[in-house]
C-alpha atoms as a PDB file:
ATOM      1  CA  MET A   1     -74.425  28.989  20.743  1.00  0.00           C
ATOM      2  CA  ASN A   2     -77.235  26.475  20.615  1.00  0.00           C
ATOM      3  CA  SER A   3     -75.769  24.441  18.512  1.00  0.00           C
ATOM      4  CA  VAL A   4     -78.431  21.281  18.307  1.00  0.00           C
ATOM      5  CA  ALA A   5     -78.069  17.980  16.400  1.00  0.00           C
ATOM      6  CA  ALA A   6     -81.005  15.215  15.734  1.00  0.00           C
ATOM      7  CA  ILE A   7     -80.864  12.038  16.825  1.00  0.00           C
ATOM      8  CA  ILE A   8     -82.757   9.443  14.884  1.00  0.00           C
ATOM      9  CA  ILE A   9     -83.319   5.085  16.004  1.00  0.00           C
ATOM     10  CA  CYS A  10     -83.916   3.341  13.385  1.00  0.00           C
ATOM     11  CA  PHE A  11     -84.927  -0.627  13.109  1.00  0.00           C
ATOM     12  CA  ASN A  12     -86.561  -1.409   9.506  1.00  0.00           C
ATOM     13  CA  PRO A  13     -87.500   1.558   8.846  1.00  0.00           C
ATOM     14  CA  ASP A  14     -89.781   2.510   6.034  1.00  0.00           C
ATOM     15  CA  CYS A  15     -87.645   4.791   3.938  1.00  0.00           C
ATOM     16  CA  ASN A  16     -90.269   7.153   2.984  1.00  0.00           C
ATOM     17  CA  CYS A  17     -91.121   7.879   6.510  1.00  0.00           C
ATOM     18  CA  LEU A  18     -87.800   8.712   7.227  1.00  0.00           C
ATOM     19  CA  LEU A  19     -87.246  10.397   4.846  1.00  0.00           C
ATOM     20  CA  ASN A  20     -89.966  12.860   5.678  1.00  0.00           C
ATOM     21  CA  LEU A  21     -88.493  13.158   9.033  1.00  0.00           C
ATOM     22  CA  ILE A  22     -85.699  14.011   7.763  1.00  0.00           C
ATOM     23  CA  ARG A  23     -86.809  16.906   5.687  1.00  0.00           C
ATOM     24  CA  ALA A  24     -89.301  18.060   8.102  1.00  0.00           C
ATOM     25  CA  ILE A  25     -86.103  19.132  10.884  1.00  0.00           C
ATOM     26  CA  ASP A  26     -83.344  19.686   7.956  1.00  0.00           C
ATOM     27  CA  SER A  27     -83.928  23.333   8.761  1.00  0.00           C
ATOM     28  CA  GLU A  28     -84.180  23.211  12.274  1.00  0.00           C
ATOM     29  CA  VAL A  29     -80.583  21.464  13.135  1.00  0.00           C
ATOM     30  CA  GLU A  30     -77.527  21.750  12.247  1.00  0.00           C
ATOM     31  CA  LEU A  31     -76.667  17.800  12.210  1.00  0.00           C
ATOM     32  CA  ILE A  32     -78.752  14.726  11.586  1.00  0.00           C
ATOM     33  CA  ILE A  33     -77.037  11.139  13.095  1.00  0.00           C
ATOM     34  CA  ILE A  34     -79.122   8.153  11.849  1.00  0.00           C
ATOM     35  CA  ILE A  35     -78.339   5.562  14.316  1.00  0.00           C
ATOM     36  CA  ASN A  36     -79.788   2.298  12.076  1.00  0.00           C
ATOM     37  CA  ASN A  37     -80.061  -0.360  14.700  1.00  0.00           C
ATOM     38  CA  GLY A  38     -81.107  -2.867  11.057  1.00  0.00           C
ATOM     39  CA  GLY A  39     -82.586  -2.774   8.211  1.00  0.00           C
ATOM     40  CA  LEU A  40     -81.325   0.111   6.267  1.00  0.00           C
ATOM     41  CA  SER A  41     -79.197  -0.476   2.854  1.00  0.00           C
ATOM     42  CA  ASN A  42     -76.518   0.756   1.420  1.00  0.00           C
ATOM     43  CA  GLU A  43     -79.205   2.132  -1.170  1.00  0.00           C
ATOM     44  CA  ASP A  44     -81.151   2.985   1.228  1.00  0.00           C
ATOM     45  CA  ILE A  45     -78.619   5.231   2.802  1.00  0.00           C
ATOM     46  CA  LYS A  46     -77.948   6.687   0.126  1.00  0.00           C
ATOM     47  CA  SER A  47     -80.895   7.835  -1.008  1.00  0.00           C
ATOM     48  CA  LEU A  48     -81.457   9.322   2.242  1.00  0.00           C
ATOM     49  CA  LYS A  49     -78.051  11.202   2.021  1.00  0.00           C
ATOM     50  CA  ALA A  50     -79.276  12.785  -0.701  1.00  0.00           C
ATOM     51  CA  GLY A  51     -82.128  14.163   1.292  1.00  0.00           C
ATOM     52  CA  SER A  52     -80.187  16.157   3.405  1.00  0.00           C
ATOM     53  CA  ASP A  53     -76.682  16.898   3.422  1.00  0.00           C
ATOM     54  CA  LYS A  54     -76.692  16.672   7.392  1.00  0.00           C
ATOM     55  CA  LEU A  55     -76.456  13.554   7.861  1.00  0.00           C
ATOM     56  CA  ASN A  56     -74.039  11.563   9.604  1.00  0.00           C
ATOM     57  CA  VAL A  57     -75.062   7.412   9.849  1.00  0.00           C
ATOM     58  CA  VAL A  58     -74.088   5.401  12.404  1.00  0.00           C
ATOM     59  CA  CYS A  59     -74.412   1.101  11.611  1.00  0.00           C
ATOM     60  CA  ASN A  60     -74.452  -0.762  13.872  1.00  0.00           C
ATOM     61  CA  ASP A  61     -73.911  -4.473  13.431  1.00  0.00           C
ATOM     62  CA  GLU A  62     -76.868  -5.333  15.190  1.00  0.00           C
ATOM     63  CA  ASN A  63     -80.342  -4.446  17.307  1.00  0.00           C
ATOM     64  CA  LEU A  64     -78.542  -2.954  19.936  1.00  0.00           C
ATOM     65  CA  GLY A  65     -81.590  -1.201  21.475  1.00  0.00           C
ATOM     66  CA  VAL A  66     -83.599   2.332  22.511  1.00  0.00           C
ATOM     67  CA  ALA A  67     -80.913   3.120  25.306  1.00  0.00           C
ATOM     68  CA  THR A  68     -77.658   2.204  23.653  1.00  0.00           C
ATOM     69  CA  ALA A  69     -78.700   3.625  20.217  1.00  0.00           C
ATOM     70  CA  LEU A  70     -79.487   7.034  22.259  1.00  0.00           C
ATOM     71  CA  ASN A  71     -75.826   6.928  23.800  1.00  0.00           C
ATOM     72  CA  ILE A  72     -74.363   6.540  21.043  1.00  0.00           C
ATOM     73  CA  GLY A  73     -76.028   9.434  19.190  1.00  0.00           C
ATOM     74  CA  CYS A  74     -75.285  11.251  22.146  1.00  0.00           C
ATOM     75  CA  GLY A  75     -71.854  10.709  21.749  1.00  0.00           C
ATOM     76  CA  VAL A  76     -71.607  11.535  18.361  1.00  0.00           C
ATOM     77  CA  ALA A  77     -73.498  15.275  19.246  1.00  0.00           C
ATOM     78  CA  ASN A  78     -70.667  15.249  22.304  1.00  0.00           C
ATOM     79  CA  GLU A  79     -67.916  14.826  20.451  1.00  0.00           C
ATOM     80  CA  GLY A  80     -68.756  17.367  17.612  1.00  0.00           C
ATOM     81  CA  ASP A  81     -69.216  19.896  20.739  1.00  0.00           C
ATOM     82  CA  TYR A  82     -73.446  20.184  19.708  1.00  0.00           C
ATOM     83  CA  ARG A  83     -75.227  21.283  22.863  1.00  0.00           C
ATOM     84  CA  PHE A  84     -77.989  19.992  22.812  1.00  0.00           C
ATOM     85  CA  ALA A  85     -79.494  17.011  20.889  1.00  0.00           C
ATOM     86  CA  VAL A  86     -83.160  16.171  20.185  1.00  0.00           C
ATOM     87  CA  SER A  87     -84.372  12.265  19.856  1.00  0.00           C
ATOM     88  CA  PHE A  88     -87.377  10.714  17.409  1.00  0.00           C
ATOM     89  CA  ASP A  89     -88.471   7.324  16.526  1.00  0.00           C
ATOM     90  CA  GLN A  90     -88.060   6.223  12.502  1.00  0.00           C
ATOM     91  CA  ASP A  91     -91.868   7.597  12.585  1.00  0.00           C
ATOM     92  CA  SER A  92     -91.803  10.474  14.346  1.00  0.00           C
ATOM     93  CA  ALA A  93     -93.454  13.275  13.078  1.00  0.00           C
ATOM     94  CA  PRO A  94     -92.688  16.618  14.673  1.00  0.00           C
ATOM     95  CA  GLU A  95     -94.768  19.726  13.871  1.00  0.00           C
ATOM     96  CA  LYS A  96     -93.561  22.540  11.719  1.00  0.00           C
ATOM     97  CA  GLY A  97     -91.267  24.852  14.188  1.00  0.00           C
ATOM     98  CA  MET A  98     -91.083  22.488  16.536  1.00  0.00           C
ATOM     99  CA  ILE A  99     -87.539  21.980  17.859  1.00  0.00           C
ATOM    100  CA  THR A 100     -86.642  25.677  17.536  1.00  0.00           C
ATOM    101  CA  THR A 101     -90.006  26.279  20.344  1.00  0.00           C
ATOM    102  CA  LEU A 102     -88.582  23.459  22.619  1.00  0.00           C
ATOM    103  CA  LEU A 103     -84.878  25.097  22.013  1.00  0.00           C
ATOM    104  CA  ASN A 104     -86.307  28.694  22.993  1.00  0.00           C
ATOM    105  CA  GLU A 105     -88.495  27.454  26.365  1.00  0.00           C
ATOM    106  CA  LEU A 106     -85.502  25.269  27.631  1.00  0.00           C
ATOM    107  CA  VAL A 107     -82.804  27.834  27.195  1.00  0.00           C
ATOM    108  CA  GLU A 108     -85.179  30.594  28.297  1.00  0.00           C
ATOM    109  CA  TYR A 109     -85.644  28.322  31.411  1.00  0.00           C
ATOM    110  CA  LYS A 110     -82.030  27.481  32.147  1.00  0.00           C
ATOM    111  CA  ASN A 111     -81.287  30.982  32.415  1.00  0.00           C
ATOM    112  CA  THR A 112     -84.006  30.744  35.947  1.00  0.00           C
ATOM    113  CA  ASP A 113     -82.398  27.839  36.700  1.00  0.00           C
ATOM    114  CA  CYS A 114     -79.355  25.876  35.752  1.00  0.00           C
ATOM    115  CA  LYS A 115     -80.077  22.305  37.046  1.00  0.00           C
ATOM    116  CA  ALA A 116     -82.993  22.061  33.646  1.00  0.00           C
ATOM    117  CA  VAL A 117     -81.881  19.208  31.668  1.00  0.00           C
ATOM    118  CA  ALA A 118     -84.598  18.124  29.354  1.00  0.00           C
ATOM    119  CA  ILE A 119     -87.437  19.105  27.425  1.00  0.00           C
ATOM    120  CA  GLY A 120     -90.295  17.217  25.341  1.00  0.00           C
ATOM    121  CA  PRO A 121     -93.756  18.247  23.533  1.00  0.00           C
ATOM    122  CA  GLN A 122     -96.809  17.416  24.372  1.00  0.00           C
ATOM    123  CA  ILE A 123     -97.810  14.414  22.576  1.00  0.00           C
ATOM    124  CA  VAL A 124    -100.938  14.448  20.308  1.00  0.00           C
ATOM    125  CA  ASP A 125    -101.922  10.861  18.807  1.00  0.00           C
ATOM    126  CA  MET A 126    -104.705  11.057  15.881  1.00  0.00           C
ATOM    127  CA  ARG A 127    -105.506   7.585  15.134  1.00  0.00           C
ATOM    128  CA  GLY A 128    -109.139   7.716  12.844  1.00  0.00           C
ATOM    129  CA  ASN A 129    -111.251  10.236  14.141  1.00  0.00           C
ATOM    130  CA  ASP A 130    -110.261  10.804  17.194  1.00  0.00           C
ATOM    131  CA  ILE A 131    -107.616  13.986  18.170  1.00  0.00           C
ATOM    132  CA  VAL A 132    -106.145  13.434  21.363  1.00  0.00           C
ATOM    133  CA  TYR A 133    -103.452  15.555  23.616  1.00  0.00           C
ATOM    134  CA  MET A 134    -101.710  12.820  25.667  1.00  0.00           C
ATOM    135  CA  PRO A 135    -101.263  14.673  29.259  1.00  0.00           C
ATOM    136  CA  PHE A 136     -98.212  15.426  31.359  1.00  0.00           C
ATOM    137  CA  ILE A 137     -97.227  13.294  33.921  1.00  0.00           C
ATOM    138  CA  LYS A 138     -96.297  15.089  37.776  1.00  0.00           C
ATOM    139  CA  PHE A 139     -95.845  12.719  40.711  1.00  0.00           C
ATOM    140  CA  SER A 140     -95.303  13.634  44.587  1.00  0.00           C
ATOM    141  CA  ASN A 141     -94.655  11.003  47.490  1.00  0.00           C
ATOM    142  CA  PHE A 142     -98.095   9.768  47.204  1.00  0.00           C
ATOM    143  CA  GLN A 143    -100.044  11.570  43.725  1.00  0.00           C
ATOM    144  CA  ILE A 144    -100.511  10.717  40.472  1.00  0.00           C
ATOM    145  CA  LYS A 145    -101.208  14.498  39.057  1.00  0.00           C
ATOM    146  CA  LYS A 146    -102.308  14.850  34.752  1.00  0.00           C
ATOM    147  CA  TRP A 147    -101.464  18.392  33.034  1.00  0.00           C
ATOM    148  CA  TYR A 148    -103.159  18.662  29.872  1.00  0.00           C
ATOM    149  CA  GLY A 149    -102.301  22.230  29.943  1.00  0.00           C
ATOM    150  CA  GLU A 150    -105.837  22.952  28.330  1.00  0.00           C
ATOM    151  CA  GLU A 151    -105.767  26.548  30.512  1.00  0.00           C
ATOM    152  CA  LYS A 152    -103.561  28.246  28.777  1.00  0.00           C
ATOM    153  CA  LYS A 153     -99.516  27.133  26.756  1.00  0.00           C
ATOM    154  CA  GLU A 154     -96.560  27.047  29.332  1.00  0.00           C
ATOM    155  CA  THR A 155     -93.103  25.203  30.307  1.00  0.00           C
ATOM    156  CA  GLN A 156     -93.704  23.512  33.335  1.00  0.00           C
ATOM    157  CA  PRO A 157     -91.243  20.962  35.133  1.00  0.00           C
ATOM    158  CA  VAL A 158     -92.819  17.817  35.112  1.00  0.00           C
ATOM    159  CA  SER A 159     -92.107  13.348  36.062  1.00  0.00           C
ATOM    160  CA  HIS A 160     -90.829  12.340  32.268  1.00  0.00           C
ATOM    161  CA  VAL A 161     -90.877  12.772  28.690  1.00  0.00           C
ATOM    162  CA  ILE A 162     -91.092  10.250  26.473  1.00  0.00           C
ATOM    163  CA  THR A 163     -87.499   9.773  23.640  1.00  0.00           C
ATOM    164  CA  SER A 164     -89.666  10.811  21.015  1.00  0.00           C
ATOM    165  CA  GLY A 165     -89.273  14.348  20.574  1.00  0.00           C
ATOM    166  CA  CYS A 166     -87.473  14.841  23.569  1.00  0.00           C
ATOM    167  CA  LEU A 167     -84.125  17.473  23.705  1.00  0.00           C
ATOM    168  CA  LEU A 168     -81.825  17.519  26.161  1.00  0.00           C
ATOM    169  CA  ASP A 169     -78.296  19.189  27.364  1.00  0.00           C
ATOM    170  CA  VAL A 170     -75.897  17.156  25.398  1.00  0.00           C
ATOM    171  CA  GLY A 171     -73.120  18.369  28.113  1.00  0.00           C
ATOM    172  CA  ILE A 172     -74.979  16.743  31.182  1.00  0.00           C
ATOM    173  CA  TRP A 173     -75.348  14.085  29.415  1.00  0.00           C
ATOM    174  CA  SER A 174     -71.748  13.238  28.801  1.00  0.00           C
ATOM    175  CA  LYS A 175     -70.946  13.591  32.472  1.00  0.00           C
ATOM    176  CA  ASN A 176     -73.269  11.615  34.758  1.00  0.00           C
ATOM    177  CA  MET A 177     -76.744  11.153  32.773  1.00  0.00           C
ATOM    178  CA  LYS A 178     -75.982   8.185  30.504  1.00  0.00           C
ATOM    179  CA  PHE A 179     -79.707   5.988  29.498  1.00  0.00           C
ATOM    180  CA  ASP A 180     -79.240   2.710  31.172  1.00  0.00           C
ATOM    181  CA  ASN A 181     -78.055   0.105  28.013  1.00  0.00           C
ATOM    182  CA  ARG A 182     -79.837  -2.800  30.140  1.00  0.00           C
ATOM    183  CA  LEU A 183     -83.064  -1.349  29.839  1.00  0.00           C
ATOM    184  CA  PHE A 184     -82.471  -2.293  26.239  1.00  0.00           C
ATOM    185  CA  ILE A 185     -85.796  -0.882  25.524  1.00  0.00           C
ATOM    186  CA  ASP A 186     -89.252   0.110  26.354  1.00  0.00           C
ATOM    187  CA  LEU A 187     -89.349   2.766  29.621  1.00  0.00           C
ATOM    188  CA  VAL A 188     -85.786   3.734  28.856  1.00  0.00           C
ATOM    189  CA  ASP A 189     -86.727   7.008  28.776  1.00  0.00           C
ATOM    190  CA  THR A 190     -88.815   6.921  32.143  1.00  0.00           C
ATOM    191  CA  ASN A 191     -86.135   5.509  34.272  1.00  0.00           C
ATOM    192  CA  TRP A 192     -83.787   8.191  32.501  1.00  0.00           C
ATOM    193  CA  CYS A 193     -85.555  10.816  33.637  1.00  0.00           C
ATOM    194  CA  TRP A 194     -86.493  10.074  37.006  1.00  0.00           C
ATOM    195  CA  ASN A 195     -82.712   9.639  37.352  1.00  0.00           C
ATOM    196  CA  ALA A 196     -82.375  12.718  35.931  1.00  0.00           C
ATOM    197  CA  ILE A 197     -84.694  14.560  39.042  1.00  0.00           C
ATOM    198  CA  ARG A 198     -83.538  12.357  41.489  1.00  0.00           C
ATOM    199  CA  HIS A 199     -80.054  13.653  40.980  1.00  0.00           C
ATOM    200  CA  ASN A 200     -81.246  17.308  41.034  1.00  0.00           C
ATOM    201  CA  TYR A 201     -81.594  18.038  37.140  1.00  0.00           C
ATOM    202  CA  VAL A 202     -85.270  19.764  36.086  1.00  0.00           C
ATOM    203  CA  VAL A 203     -87.234  18.153  33.194  1.00  0.00           C
ATOM    204  CA  LEU A 204     -89.929  20.137  31.319  1.00  0.00           C
ATOM    205  CA  GLY A 205     -92.750  19.700  29.268  1.00  0.00           C
ATOM    206  CA  THR A 206     -94.490  21.963  26.936  1.00  0.00           C
ATOM    207  CA  THR A 207     -97.885  22.047  25.599  1.00  0.00           C
ATOM    208  CA  LYS A 208     -96.322  24.833  23.573  1.00  0.00           C
ATOM    209  CA  ALA A 209     -95.115  22.978  20.832  1.00  0.00           C
ATOM    210  CA  HIS A 210     -96.971  19.532  19.513  1.00  0.00           C
ATOM    211  CA  MET A 211     -95.828  15.984  18.004  1.00  0.00           C
ATOM    212  CA  VAL A 212     -97.923  13.450  16.484  1.00  0.00           C
ATOM    213  CA  HIS A 213     -97.093  10.262  18.135  1.00  0.00           C
ATOM    214  CA  GLU A 214     -98.921   6.506  18.483  1.00  0.00           C
ATOM    215  CA  LEU A 215     -97.955   5.369  21.577  1.00  0.00           C
ATOM    216  CA  SER A 216     -98.923   1.659  20.530  1.00  0.00           C
ATOM    217  CA  GLU A 217     -99.975  -0.112  17.388  1.00  0.00           C
ATOM    218  CA  LYS A 218    -103.721   0.235  18.762  1.00  0.00           C
ATOM    219  CA  ILE A 219    -106.013   1.718  20.892  1.00  0.00           C
ATOM    220  CA  THR A 220    -108.686  -0.906  22.204  1.00  0.00           C
ATOM    221  CA  LYS A 221    -111.453   1.059  24.134  1.00  0.00           C
ATOM    222  CA  ILE A 222    -113.332  -1.135  26.896  1.00  0.00           C
ATOM    223  CA  SER A 223    -115.543   0.706  29.098  1.00  0.00           C
ATOM    224  CA  LYS A 224    -113.354   2.989  30.275  1.00  0.00           C
ATOM    225  CA  PHE A 225    -110.259   1.728  29.907  1.00  0.00           C
ATOM    226  CA  SER A 226    -108.151   2.393  27.002  1.00  0.00           C
ATOM    227  CA  LEU A 227    -105.788  -0.899  26.282  1.00  0.00           C
ATOM    228  CA  SER A 228    -102.287  -0.865  24.226  1.00  0.00           C
ATOM    229  CA  SER A 229    -101.471  -3.283  21.814  1.00  0.00           C
ATOM    230  CA  TYR A 230     -98.057  -4.259  21.080  1.00  0.00           C
ATOM    231  CA  SER A 231     -96.319  -7.492  19.823  1.00  0.00           C
ATOM    232  CA  PRO A 232     -95.187  -9.888  22.743  1.00  0.00           C
ATOM    233  CA  ILE A 233     -91.314  -9.317  22.954  1.00  0.00           C
ATOM    234  CA  ARG A 234     -92.156  -5.597  23.425  1.00  0.00           C
ATOM    235  CA  ARG A 235     -94.508  -6.929  25.997  1.00  0.00           C
ATOM    236  CA  TYR A 236     -91.379  -8.619  27.454  1.00  0.00           C
ATOM    237  CA  TYR A 237     -89.701  -5.829  27.980  1.00  0.00           C
ATOM    238  CA  GLN A 238     -92.340  -3.048  28.862  1.00  0.00           C
ATOM    239  CA  LEU A 239     -93.275  -6.068  31.727  1.00  0.00           C
ATOM    240  CA  ARG A 240     -89.334  -6.351  32.952  1.00  0.00           C
ATOM    241  CA  ASN A 241     -88.289  -3.235  32.863  1.00  0.00           C
ATOM    242  CA  SER A 242     -91.785  -1.647  34.689  1.00  0.00           C
ATOM    243  CA  ILE A 243     -91.108  -4.761  37.776  1.00  0.00           C
ATOM    244  CA  TYR A 244     -87.232  -4.616  37.792  1.00  0.00           C
ATOM    245  CA  GLN A 245     -87.837  -0.439  38.426  1.00  0.00           C
ATOM    246  CA  ILE A 246     -90.474  -0.987  41.367  1.00  0.00           C
ATOM    247  CA  PHE A 247     -87.909  -3.844  43.518  1.00  0.00           C
ATOM    248  CA  HIS A 248     -84.346  -1.961  42.949  1.00  0.00           C
ATOM    249  CA  GLU A 249     -84.732   1.874  41.723  1.00  0.00           C
ATOM    250  CA  PRO A 250     -85.104   4.080  44.548  1.00  0.00           C
ATOM    251  CA  LEU A 251     -88.604   4.971  43.865  1.00  0.00           C
ATOM    252  CA  MET A 252     -91.492   7.287  45.496  1.00  0.00           C
ATOM    253  CA  ILE A 253     -94.313   5.540  46.216  1.00  0.00           C
ATOM    254  CA  SER A 254     -96.511   7.533  43.410  1.00  0.00           C
ATOM    255  CA  GLN A 255     -94.212   6.269  40.951  1.00  0.00           C
ATOM    256  CA  ARG A 256     -93.845   2.702  42.250  1.00  0.00           C
ATOM    257  CA  ILE A 257     -97.681   3.404  41.962  1.00  0.00           C
ATOM    258  CA  TYR A 258     -97.359   4.210  38.691  1.00  0.00           C
ATOM    259  CA  LEU A 259     -95.001   1.514  37.115  1.00  0.00           C
ATOM    260  CA  PHE A 260     -98.131  -0.848  38.876  1.00  0.00           C
ATOM    261  CA  LYS A 261    -100.737   0.383  36.732  1.00  0.00           C
ATOM    262  CA  THR A 262     -98.391   0.088  33.790  1.00  0.00           C
ATOM    263  CA  ILE A 263     -98.310  -3.651  34.190  1.00  0.00           C
ATOM    264  CA  LEU A 264    -101.985  -4.322  34.896  1.00  0.00           C
ATOM    265  CA  ASN A 265    -102.311  -2.263  32.170  1.00  0.00           C
ATOM    266  CA  GLY A 266     -99.326  -4.544  30.079  1.00  0.00           C
ATOM    267  CA  ILE A 267    -101.176  -8.068  31.980  1.00  0.00           C
ATOM    268  CA  PHE A 268    -105.155  -7.197  30.316  1.00  0.00           C
ATOM    269  CA  SER A 269    -103.686  -5.172  27.213  1.00  0.00           C
ATOM    270  CA  SER A 270    -101.842  -8.847  26.218  1.00  0.00           C
ATOM    271  CA  ILE A 271    -105.196 -10.550  26.733  1.00  0.00           C
ATOM    272  CA  PHE A 272    -108.086  -8.280  24.567  1.00  0.00           C
ATOM    273  CA  SER A 273    -106.088  -6.247  22.328  1.00  0.00           C
ATOM    274  CA  ASP A 274    -102.342  -8.225  21.442  1.00  0.00           C
ATOM    275  CA  LYS A 275    -102.578 -10.288  18.178  1.00  0.00           C
ATOM    276  CA  PHE A 276    -100.912 -12.821  19.898  1.00  0.00           C
ATOM    277  CA  PRO A 277    -102.243 -12.928  23.022  1.00  0.00           C
ATOM    278  CA  LEU A 278    -101.336 -15.770  25.194  1.00  0.00           C
ATOM    279  CA  LYS A 279     -97.485 -15.464  23.631  1.00  0.00           C
ATOM    280  CA  SER A 280     -97.895 -11.529  24.577  1.00  0.00           C
ATOM    281  CA  LEU A 281     -98.953 -12.970  28.280  1.00  0.00           C
ATOM    282  CA  ARG A 282     -96.019 -15.641  28.005  1.00  0.00           C
ATOM    283  CA  TYR A 283     -93.038 -12.981  27.314  1.00  0.00           C
ATOM    284  CA  GLY A 284     -95.013 -10.745  29.839  1.00  0.00           C
ATOM    285  CA  MET A 285     -94.398 -12.907  32.851  1.00  0.00           C
ATOM    286  CA  ARG A 286     -90.715 -14.043  31.758  1.00  0.00           C
ATOM    287  CA  GLY A 287     -90.430 -10.697  31.710  1.00  0.00           C
ATOM    288  CA  LEU A 288     -91.541 -10.132  34.811  1.00  0.00           C
ATOM    289  CA  VAL A 289     -89.468 -12.565  36.516  1.00  0.00           C
ATOM    290  CA  ASP A 290     -86.502 -11.742  35.277  1.00  0.00           C
ATOM    291  CA  GLY A 291     -87.316  -8.151  36.223  1.00  0.00           C
ATOM    292  CA  CYS A 292     -87.797  -9.236  39.823  1.00  0.00           C
ATOM    293  CA  ILE A 293     -83.997 -10.736  40.042  1.00  0.00           C
ATOM    294  CA  GLY A 294     -82.506  -8.051  38.065  1.00  0.00           C
ATOM    295  CA  LYS A 295     -82.313  -9.968  34.982  1.00  0.00           C
ATOM    296  CA  LEU A 296     -81.472  -7.509  32.101  1.00  0.00           C
ATOM    297  CA  GLY A 297     -79.979  -6.570  28.941  1.00  0.00           C
ATOM    298  CA  LYS A 298     -81.380  -8.082  25.427  1.00  0.00           C
ATOM    299  CA  ASN A 299     -83.017 -11.298  25.533  1.00  0.00           C
ATOM    300  CA  LYS A 300     -83.059 -13.833  22.936  1.00  0.00           C
ATOM    301  CA  LEU A 301     -87.096 -14.959  23.329  1.00  0.00           C
END
């Protein structure tokens, strides 16, 4: 049976947005696991449970980060014998039928290649008047290719998918494919996908399903370059986890180049796009140092 559990990771969420997400996915999953990393009161939980009878809320004593929250959620799904788990951020906005499409595509692909472990939708950023379809990334040893799926809607192996909207095989997760708790937040999904591929699993992307998702607080355009905007603490984890993987993970040259570009974009974005540029830059530099020496985990900056 292809049963699906949804995992929603929360940290100081907008309860109205969270309730909208629960209602949007309720008919396509058998269980909704909410991992409360902080900010959800007992009254909030009570109101959320009124919106669905499928809720299982796990409350952590502190913010344990995305990776640990995903492992907790997958563990709950595994104990309940759910075959698949689909994860969401608290502000995700999946289109109707997205989970069903992801499930059908993954199961169909598994019929020809049992090593398929996860699938993600194409992400759509709808800020202002712009509608931007984000590309999937594909790596060879020396090349970085972008796949937009403009010619036709299809499902293909890709390098990685983001956590939000990702449907994964819980059975394979339980064997040897846990998320790296030490990363805490940022690049947790990239690290997991690359690790899966190194273990000869297949990660899929599909343009048959889409999900609206903002990849940063805002996007600043300077000439041909797009700069993201994040808090200083997020810059710390982004740069730390990027440089850590460059120096401490067995990556292809193209993957190292990709992460190096991520670091450069993070530095320039800190200066020209972030609300607190000096603090973002300072935190980012500390992240680079910690990543180089392999100092991971939650950092109380």
